[in-house]
Amino acid sequence: MFRLWAKIWKDNHLIKDIVIENDDCTLNRTRKIFAAIDAVCYEFDLSKPLWLDSTVRDFQKHDKTRFYQDNFVDSIEFDYLEIHVIEED
């Protein structure tokens, strides 16, 4: 089971959160992450964030990263979107 927790933060307050689960064993880890982010963006009505070098480094190091305004093409009404892998097979 793969689970990714996504949270939207504004002014140090949790605004929204969701846990996306994926038990498709035919997908590799990277595809599960991108599928989960697609689901998060759909649920939160967001454009897909861009993976900047700093975002990739944080995610590789901690299985957790934050997407700020710089990661989005559209304007966002929150401080950042945080994703965190909370369970893997």
Protein backbone atom coordinates (compact mmCIF):
# COMPACT_ATOMS: atom_id res chain seq x y z
CA MET A 1 0.00 0.00 0.00
CA PHE A 2 1.26 3.45 -0.95
CA ARG A 3 -0.14 6.49 0.88
CA LEU A 4 0.64 10.15 0.29
CA TRP A 5 -0.59 12.89 2.63
CA ALA A 6 -1.13 16.33 1.09
CA LYS A 7 -1.76 19.45 3.15
CA ILE A 8 -2.50 23.06 2.26
CA TRP A 9 -1.13 25.63 4.71
CA LYS A 10 -1.90 29.33 5.11
CA ASP A 11 -0.56 31.53 7.92
CA ASN A 12 0.71 28.43 9.78
CA HIS A 13 -2.77 26.90 9.80
CA LEU A 14 -3.77 23.68 8.11
CA ILE A 15 -6.53 24.60 5.65
CA LYS A 16 -7.14 21.30 3.84
CA ASP A 17 -5.64 17.85 3.83
CA ILE A 18 -6.17 14.57 2.05
CA VAL A 19 -4.59 11.12 2.01
CA ILE A 20 -4.28 9.45 -1.37
CA GLU A 21 -3.91 5.66 -1.42
CA ASN A 22 -2.63 3.55 -4.28
CA ASP A 23 -2.35 -0.23 -4.17
CA ASP A 24 -1.57 -0.74 -7.86
CA CYS A 25 1.54 -2.93 -7.67
CA THR A 26 2.17 -2.57 -11.42
CA LEU A 27 3.24 1.07 -10.97
CA ASN A 28 6.70 2.02 -9.77
CA ARG A 29 7.20 4.52 -6.93
CA THR A 30 7.63 7.54 -9.21
CA ARG A 31 4.41 6.81 -11.10
CA LYS A 32 2.54 6.35 -7.82
CA ILE A 33 3.79 9.73 -6.60
CA PHE A 34 2.76 11.51 -9.81
CA ALA A 35 -0.62 9.77 -9.83
CA ALA A 36 -1.18 10.84 -6.22
CA ILE A 37 -0.22 14.44 -7.00
CA ASP A 38 -2.63 14.41 -9.94
CA ALA A 39 -5.40 13.21 -7.58
CA VAL A 40 -4.51 15.88 -5.01
CA CYS A 41 -4.59 18.63 -7.63
CA TYR A 42 -7.94 17.38 -8.89
CA GLU A 43 -9.44 17.28 -5.37
CA PHE A 44 -8.06 20.71 -4.41
CA ASP A 45 -8.74 22.22 -7.87
CA LEU A 46 -5.11 23.20 -8.41
CA SER A 47 -2.82 23.29 -11.38
CA LYS A 48 -0.03 20.74 -11.27
CA PRO A 49 3.04 22.08 -9.47
CA LEU A 50 6.45 22.25 -11.10
CA TRP A 51 9.26 20.21 -9.59
CA LEU A 52 12.14 22.63 -9.04
CA ASP A 53 15.61 21.32 -8.16
CA SER A 54 15.16 22.26 -4.50
CA THR A 55 11.79 20.49 -4.41
CA VAL A 56 13.30 17.30 -5.84
CA ARG A 57 16.23 17.40 -3.38
CA ASP A 58 13.90 17.82 -0.38
CA PHE A 59 11.66 15.00 -1.54
CA GLN A 60 14.55 12.62 -2.20
CA LYS A 61 16.05 13.36 1.21
CA HIS A 62 12.92 13.37 3.41
CA ASP A 63 10.04 11.82 1.37
CA LYS A 64 8.41 15.17 2.01
CA THR A 65 8.44 18.52 0.21
CA ARG A 66 6.61 21.82 -0.11
CA PHE A 67 5.33 23.51 -3.25
CA TYR A 68 5.32 27.32 -2.95
CA GLN A 69 4.04 29.99 -5.34
CA ASP A 70 7.22 29.55 -7.43
CA ASN A 71 6.16 25.97 -8.18
CA PHE A 72 2.79 26.98 -9.64
CA VAL A 73 2.06 28.75 -12.90
CA ASP A 74 -1.25 30.04 -11.56
CA SER A 75 -1.63 32.24 -8.51
CA ILE A 76 -2.37 30.34 -5.29
CA GLU A 77 -4.40 31.54 -2.32
CA PHE A 78 -2.34 29.71 0.31
CA ASP A 79 1.28 29.69 1.47
CA TYR A 80 2.27 26.21 0.33
CA LEU A 81 1.16 22.69 -0.53
CA GLU A 82 3.05 20.04 1.41
CA ILE A 83 3.22 16.39 0.36
CA HIS A 84 4.55 13.55 2.48
CA VAL A 85 4.82 9.83 1.72
CA ILE A 86 3.46 8.19 4.87
CA GLU A 87 3.40 4.55 3.82
CA GLU A 88 5.09 2.40 1.22
CA ASP A 89 5.09 -1.30 0.45
